[in-house]
Amino acid sequence: MKAMLSRRVGGPETLELEELPDPKPGPGEVLLAVKACGVNYPDVLIIEDRYQFKPPRPFAPGGEVAGVIDSVGPGVTQFKPGDRVIGSTISGGMAEKLVVEANLCIAMPAAMPFDEASALVLTYGTSIYALKDRAKLEKGETLLVLGAAGGVGVSAVELGKAYGARVIAAVSSPDKLAFAKQHGADDGVVYPPGPFDKAGAKALADIFKKACGENGADVIYDPVGGDYSEAALRAIAWEGRFLVVGFPAGIAKLPLNLTLLKSCQVVGVFWGAFTRRDPAGNAANIAELMQLYARGAIKPVVSERFPLARAGEAIARLAARKAMGKIVVTME
């Protein structure tokens, strides 16, 4: 099989396409013939040794895959060869074949394409955990989504609308704002590029405040970080919930006096750890996502597809924050 490997610490340009022996599933595992692998921000971090988990090298990046089960290991009864599944793992997905724990696989709906399937679980799983479990978003509340045109951002937009919220999209270009509105955002703002000096940070906060209205945002979904986080927090409502999701613009530093003044919460969102600590809760969320997908309330937006040989380009494209929707690496 072919795999795109990280053999040394570095950016996407350090990845190498190599031929490897097919792996074999052990007890409780399945061997998946990968058809598509979603590209996510952890893929940028993991090859630079900046992610929470550091797999031993060499490894292939990619933690969100869809494919067909090739074989099953001892003790696996819930799946059989030929089943179409979505698999979750920390790494290894940018390869033609991958061993995955059977209990981390989900049966795919018959009508779901492989590329959409590989773009569903991590982004929408993160967003449903954030909005439903961590923020307890309620119908009629105002939700401000930063980075609303990216894969995880647009999933928050769609889920926010499915839960009956008023969704404000914050993005970096007019094209991205139009894209977010196409996928359900009620309104939005285009923010300037950072970093910001004191005056620029105040102006950015004013942009967010104006967009959210006099009462502010009940929930803020922040997968961006950097200077954008404090400016967004200044637009939060009384007893609002600020969701810390990611940091492509840098790890934010928030002045805690703002949380006192608004009696608000700053809430961490670590979906990967949640799936391991509460597998039953995650399974219930995934089942809800499948119901929402079946009725058309959510639909992964695959904007770009790259073959395995160009997987490094796919990661670089995401790292440059150019993507609208989801980037997927395909094996065929």
Protein backbone atom coordinates (compact mmCIF):
# COMPACT_ATOMS: atom_id res chain seq x y z
CA MET A 1 0.00 0.00 0.00
CA LYS A 2 0.99 3.64 -0.46
CA ALA A 3 1.14 6.05 2.48
CA MET A 4 2.11 9.72 2.91
CA LEU A 5 4.61 9.58 5.78
CA SER A 6 6.07 12.02 8.27
CA ARG A 7 9.62 10.83 8.98
CA ARG A 8 10.92 14.08 10.49
CA VAL A 9 9.47 17.09 12.25
CA GLY A 10 8.38 19.80 9.84
CA GLY A 11 5.72 21.22 7.58
CA PRO A 12 3.76 19.56 4.77
CA GLU A 13 6.77 19.77 2.45
CA THR A 14 8.56 17.17 4.60
CA LEU A 15 5.98 14.44 3.89
CA GLU A 16 7.06 11.54 1.67
CA LEU A 17 4.90 9.14 -0.36
CA GLU A 18 6.14 5.59 0.25
CA GLU A 19 5.19 1.97 -0.38
CA LEU A 20 4.58 -0.08 2.77
CA PRO A 21 3.38 -3.62 3.54
CA ASP A 22 -0.34 -3.92 4.20
CA PRO A 23 -1.03 -3.83 7.96
CA LYS A 24 -2.99 -6.60 9.69
CA PRO A 25 -5.80 -6.07 12.20
CA GLY A 26 -5.34 -7.36 15.72
CA PRO A 27 -8.00 -8.29 18.28
CA GLY A 28 -10.86 -5.81 18.24
CA GLU A 29 -9.55 -4.09 15.10
CA VAL A 30 -10.53 -3.82 11.44
CA LEU A 31 -8.42 -3.25 8.34
CA LEU A 32 -9.94 -0.44 6.30
CA ALA A 33 -9.39 0.16 2.60
CA VAL A 34 -9.43 3.94 2.82
CA LYS A 35 -11.39 5.80 0.16
CA ALA A 36 -11.18 9.34 1.55
CA CYS A 37 -9.47 11.17 4.41
CA GLY A 38 -10.63 14.52 5.75
CA VAL A 39 -7.95 17.15 6.34
CA ASN A 40 -8.15 18.90 9.71
CA TYR A 41 -6.07 21.39 11.67
CA PRO A 42 -4.60 18.68 13.94
CA ASP A 43 -2.91 17.34 10.78
CA VAL A 44 -1.00 20.62 10.54
CA LEU A 45 0.08 20.38 14.18
CA ILE A 46 0.86 16.68 14.43
CA ILE A 47 3.58 16.66 11.75
CA GLU A 48 5.25 19.59 13.55
CA ASP A 49 5.08 17.81 16.94
CA ARG A 50 2.74 20.54 18.24
CA TYR A 51 -0.32 18.37 18.81
CA GLN A 52 -1.46 16.91 22.15
CA PHE A 53 -0.61 13.41 20.88
CA LYS A 54 2.74 12.55 19.27
CA PRO A 55 2.66 9.20 17.44
CA PRO A 56 6.01 7.47 16.88
CA ARG A 57 7.56 8.11 13.48
CA PRO A 58 7.17 7.25 10.74
CA PHE A 59 3.43 7.90 10.65
CA ALA A 60 0.86 9.17 8.18
CA PRO A 61 -1.22 12.17 9.23
CA GLY A 62 -5.01 12.00 8.95
CA GLY A 63 -7.47 11.09 11.67
CA GLU A 64 -10.83 11.08 9.89
CA VAL A 65 -11.40 8.44 7.20
CA ALA A 66 -14.11 6.69 5.26
CA GLY A 67 -13.72 3.40 3.42
CA VAL A 68 -14.58 -0.27 3.09
CA ILE A 69 -13.61 -2.95 5.59
CA ASP A 70 -11.04 -5.28 4.04
CA SER A 71 -10.75 -7.73 6.95
CA VAL A 72 -11.55 -7.94 10.65
CA GLY A 73 -9.46 -9.06 13.61
CA PRO A 74 -10.37 -11.61 16.28
CA GLY A 75 -13.36 -10.70 18.39
CA VAL A 76 -14.93 -8.25 15.93
CA THR A 77 -18.59 -9.10 15.45
CA GLN A 78 -20.25 -5.77 14.63
CA PHE A 79 -18.59 -5.43 11.20
CA LYS A 80 -17.65 -7.72 8.32
CA PRO A 81 -15.57 -7.35 5.14
CA GLY A 82 -17.33 -5.15 2.61
CA ASP A 83 -19.02 -2.88 5.16
CA ARG A 84 -18.76 0.86 4.47
CA VAL A 85 -17.64 2.74 7.58
CA ILE A 86 -16.34 6.02 8.95
CA GLY A 87 -13.26 5.56 11.13
CA SER A 88 -11.66 7.83 13.71
CA THR A 89 -8.01 7.69 14.71
CA ILE A 90 -5.26 10.07 15.78
CA SER A 91 -3.12 9.47 12.70
CA GLY A 92 -2.58 7.07 9.81
CA GLY A 93 -5.47 8.11 7.57
CA MET A 94 -3.47 9.38 4.59
CA ALA A 95 -2.75 5.86 3.39
CA GLU A 96 -4.47 3.32 1.19
CA LYS A 97 -5.06 0.98 4.13
CA LEU A 98 -5.42 1.60 7.84
CA VAL A 99 -6.02 -0.46 10.97
CA VAL A 100 -8.70 1.09 13.20
CA GLU A 101 -10.27 -0.03 16.46
CA ALA A 102 -13.68 -1.47 15.59
CA ASN A 103 -15.34 0.52 18.36
CA LEU A 104 -14.08 3.73 16.69
CA CYS A 105 -15.89 2.90 13.44
CA ILE A 106 -19.40 3.99 12.48
CA ALA A 107 -21.56 2.41 9.80
CA MET A 108 -22.08 4.79 6.87
CA PRO A 109 -25.55 5.58 5.57
CA ALA A 110 -26.02 3.87 2.19
CA ALA A 111 -26.50 7.14 0.32
CA MET A 112 -23.52 8.98 1.85
CA PRO A 113 -20.54 9.49 -0.48
CA PHE A 114 -17.09 8.62 0.88
CA ASP A 115 -15.78 12.19 0.61
CA GLU A 116 -18.70 13.60 2.62
CA ALA A 117 -18.36 10.77 5.14
CA SER A 118 -14.69 11.62 5.72
CA ALA A 119 -15.67 15.24 6.36
CA LEU A 120 -18.39 14.61 8.94
CA VAL A 121 -17.32 13.09 12.23
CA LEU A 122 -14.47 15.29 13.48
CA THR A 123 -15.88 18.68 12.51
CA TYR A 124 -19.54 18.06 13.28
CA GLY A 125 -18.61 15.87 16.24
CA THR A 126 -16.61 18.77 17.67
CA SER A 127 -19.40 21.24 17.01
CA ILE A 128 -22.24 19.17 18.44
CA TYR A 129 -20.17 18.49 21.57
CA ALA A 130 -19.38 22.20 21.82
CA LEU A 131 -22.83 23.62 21.17
CA LYS A 132 -25.04 20.97 22.79
CA ASP A 133 -22.95 19.56 25.64
CA ARG A 134 -20.59 22.38 26.58
CA ALA A 135 -22.59 25.55 25.76
CA LYS A 136 -26.11 24.10 25.98
CA LEU A 137 -27.19 26.38 23.14
CA GLU A 138 -30.89 27.18 23.25
CA LYS A 139 -33.41 28.12 20.58
CA GLY A 140 -33.51 31.87 20.01
CA GLU A 141 -30.02 32.56 21.36
CA THR A 142 -27.38 34.44 19.36
CA LEU A 143 -24.37 32.39 18.26
CA LEU A 144 -21.22 34.11 16.97
CA VAL A 145 -19.00 31.75 14.93
CA LEU A 146 -15.43 32.80 14.17
CA GLY A 147 -13.78 31.23 11.12
CA ALA A 148 -17.28 30.44 9.94
CA ALA A 149 -16.30 29.38 6.41
CA GLY A 150 -13.83 26.70 7.47
CA GLY A 151 -14.74 23.05 7.91
CA VAL A 152 -15.37 23.22 11.65
CA GLY A 153 -16.83 26.73 11.42
CA VAL A 154 -19.46 25.89 8.82
CA SER A 155 -20.44 22.82 10.84
CA ALA A 156 -21.12 25.14 13.79
CA VAL A 157 -23.17 27.41 11.54
CA GLU A 158 -25.33 24.53 10.31
CA LEU A 159 -25.81 23.02 13.76
CA GLY A 160 -26.56 26.42 15.26
CA LYS A 161 -29.38 26.86 12.76
CA ALA A 162 -30.60 23.30 13.35
CA TYR A 163 -30.88 24.18 17.06
CA GLY A 164 -32.82 27.37 16.30
CA ALA A 165 -30.14 29.96 17.07
CA ARG A 166 -29.54 33.29 15.36
CA VAL A 167 -26.13 32.70 13.75
CA ILE A 168 -23.60 35.47 13.09
CA ALA A 169 -20.68 34.41 10.86
CA ALA A 170 -17.30 36.09 11.31
CA VAL A 171 -14.90 35.53 8.40
CA SER A 172 -11.87 37.03 6.68
CA SER A 173 -13.27 37.84 3.21
CA PRO A 174 -16.52 38.76 1.44
CA ASP A 175 -16.43 35.46 -0.48
CA LYS A 176 -16.28 33.54 2.79
CA LEU A 177 -19.17 35.56 4.19
CA ALA A 178 -21.31 34.73 1.16
CA PHE A 179 -20.35 31.08 1.61
CA ALA A 180 -21.33 31.09 5.30
CA LYS A 181 -24.67 32.71 4.49
CA GLN A 182 -25.34 30.04 1.84
CA HIS A 183 -25.02 27.48 4.63
CA GLY A 184 -27.39 29.13 7.05
CA ALA A 185 -25.77 32.15 8.71
CA ASP A 186 -28.31 34.91 9.35
CA ASP A 187 -25.78 37.71 9.19
CA GLY A 188 -22.06 38.21 9.42
CA VAL A 189 -18.96 40.37 9.43
CA VAL A 190 -15.67 40.42 7.58
CA TYR A 191 -12.80 41.00 10.00
CA PRO A 192 -9.40 42.42 8.98
CA PRO A 193 -6.21 40.37 9.14
CA GLY A 194 -4.26 40.46 12.41
CA PRO A 195 -2.22 40.90 14.47
CA PHE A 196 -3.76 44.05 15.94
CA ASP A 197 -2.42 46.97 17.93
CA LYS A 198 -4.55 48.42 20.74
CA ALA A 199 -6.63 50.56 18.40
CA GLY A 200 -7.09 47.71 15.96
CA ALA A 201 -8.19 45.35 18.70
CA LYS A 202 -10.78 47.89 19.88
CA ALA A 203 -12.04 48.35 16.34
CA LEU A 204 -12.35 44.58 15.93
CA ALA A 205 -14.32 44.31 19.19
CA ASP A 206 -16.64 47.06 17.95
CA ILE A 207 -17.23 45.10 14.73
CA PHE A 208 -18.27 42.03 16.73
CA LYS A 209 -20.45 44.06 19.11
CA LYS A 210 -22.31 45.74 16.26
CA ALA A 211 -22.91 42.41 14.51
CA CYS A 212 -24.22 40.69 17.64
CA GLY A 213 -26.50 43.52 18.72
CA GLU A 214 -27.08 45.32 21.98
CA ASN A 215 -27.40 42.17 24.09
CA GLY A 216 -24.29 40.50 22.68
CA ALA A 217 -23.64 36.88 21.73
CA ASP A 218 -25.02 34.23 24.07
CA VAL A 219 -22.51 31.72 22.70
CA ILE A 220 -19.20 32.40 20.94
CA TYR A 221 -17.61 29.54 18.97
CA ASP A 222 -13.90 30.27 18.56
CA PRO A 223 -11.79 27.90 16.43
CA VAL A 224 -9.42 30.76 15.50
CA GLY A 225 -7.73 32.11 18.64
CA GLY A 226 -5.04 34.77 18.57
CA ASP A 227 -6.08 38.42 18.85
CA TYR A 228 -9.57 37.54 17.64
CA SER A 229 -10.51 35.82 20.89
CA GLU A 230 -10.39 38.80 23.25
CA ALA A 231 -12.16 41.02 20.73
CA ALA A 232 -14.95 38.45 20.42
CA LEU A 233 -15.17 37.99 24.20
CA ARG A 234 -15.86 41.71 24.52
CA ALA A 235 -19.04 41.12 22.50
CA ILE A 236 -20.39 38.36 24.76
CA ALA A 237 -23.79 38.58 26.44
CA TRP A 238 -24.46 38.51 30.18
CA GLU A 239 -23.89 34.93 31.34
CA GLY A 240 -22.69 34.00 27.85
CA ARG A 241 -20.53 30.99 27.02
CA PHE A 242 -17.23 31.36 25.15
CA LEU A 243 -16.16 28.09 23.48
CA VAL A 244 -12.40 27.54 23.09
CA VAL A 245 -12.08 25.25 20.05
CA GLY A 246 -8.73 25.92 18.33
CA PHE A 247 -5.79 28.25 17.78
CA PRO A 248 -4.64 28.59 14.13
CA ALA A 249 -4.06 32.31 14.79
CA GLY A 250 -2.18 31.56 18.03
CA ILE A 251 -3.08 30.73 21.63
CA ALA A 252 -5.17 33.55 23.01
CA LYS A 253 -4.65 35.39 26.30
CA LEU A 254 -7.92 36.56 27.83
CA PRO A 255 -8.18 39.21 30.57
CA LEU A 256 -10.26 37.56 33.27
CA ASN A 257 -11.87 40.84 34.34
CA LEU A 258 -14.05 40.49 31.22
CA THR A 259 -15.48 37.22 32.52
CA LEU A 260 -16.33 38.91 35.82
CA LEU A 261 -17.98 41.93 34.18
CA LYS A 262 -20.24 39.73 32.02
CA SER A 263 -20.56 36.87 34.52
CA CYS A 264 -19.69 34.65 31.57
CA GLN A 265 -18.00 31.30 31.12
CA VAL A 266 -14.90 30.37 29.13
CA VAL A 267 -15.41 26.72 28.19
CA GLY A 268 -12.84 24.34 26.74
CA VAL A 269 -13.80 21.97 23.92
CA PHE A 270 -11.56 18.89 23.53
CA TRP A 271 -13.65 16.52 21.44
CA GLY A 272 -10.94 13.88 21.03
CA ALA A 273 -10.62 13.37 24.79
CA PHE A 274 -14.41 13.45 25.18
CA THR A 275 -14.81 10.53 22.75
CA ARG A 276 -12.55 8.39 24.94
CA ARG A 277 -13.86 9.54 28.31
CA ASP A 278 -17.54 9.31 27.37
CA PRO A 279 -17.96 6.92 24.41
CA ALA A 280 -21.68 6.54 25.10
CA GLY A 281 -22.21 10.30 25.01
CA ASN A 282 -20.22 10.58 21.79
CA ALA A 283 -22.19 7.71 20.22
CA ALA A 284 -25.43 9.52 21.05
CA ASN A 285 -24.11 12.68 19.41
CA ILE A 286 -23.02 10.80 16.29
CA ALA A 287 -26.46 9.16 16.06
CA GLU A 288 -28.04 12.62 16.26
CA LEU A 289 -25.72 13.88 13.51
CA MET A 290 -26.76 11.01 11.27
CA GLN A 291 -30.41 11.91 11.82
CA LEU A 292 -29.69 15.56 11.00
CA TYR A 293 -27.80 14.47 7.86
CA ALA A 294 -30.65 12.20 6.78
CA ARG A 295 -33.16 15.04 6.93
CA GLY A 296 -30.82 17.52 5.21
CA ALA A 297 -30.23 19.80 8.20
CA ILE A 298 -26.46 19.32 7.87
CA LYS A 299 -24.30 18.40 4.91
CA PRO A 300 -20.48 18.39 4.86
CA VAL A 301 -19.18 20.84 2.27
CA VAL A 302 -16.24 19.29 0.42
CA SER A 303 -14.73 22.23 -1.43
CA GLU A 304 -11.45 20.70 -2.59
CA ARG A 305 -10.18 17.17 -3.25
CA PHE A 306 -6.52 16.15 -3.52
CA PRO A 307 -5.09 12.75 -4.52
CA LEU A 308 -2.90 10.96 -1.97
CA ALA A 309 0.26 11.96 -3.83
CA ARG A 310 -0.63 15.63 -3.16
CA ALA A 311 -1.68 15.22 0.47
CA GLY A 312 1.05 17.61 1.58
CA GLU A 313 -0.49 20.31 -0.61
CA ALA A 314 -3.86 19.64 0.97
CA ILE A 315 -2.45 20.17 4.47
CA ALA A 316 -0.59 23.31 3.34
CA ARG A 317 -3.81 24.67 1.84
CA LEU A 318 -5.59 24.23 5.16
CA ALA A 319 -2.67 25.71 7.12
CA ALA A 320 -2.83 28.84 4.95
CA ARG A 321 -6.48 29.27 6.01
CA LYS A 322 -7.58 29.42 2.38
CA ALA A 323 -10.21 26.72 2.54
CA MET A 324 -13.95 27.20 2.47
CA GLY A 325 -15.63 24.06 3.77
CA LYS A 326 -13.64 20.85 3.98
CA ILE A 327 -10.54 19.63 2.12
CA VAL A 328 -10.40 15.87 1.48
CA VAL A 329 -7.62 13.55 0.32
CA THR A 330 -8.92 10.75 -1.91
CA MET A 331 -7.25 7.42 -2.62
CA GLU A 332 -8.76 6.90 -6.07
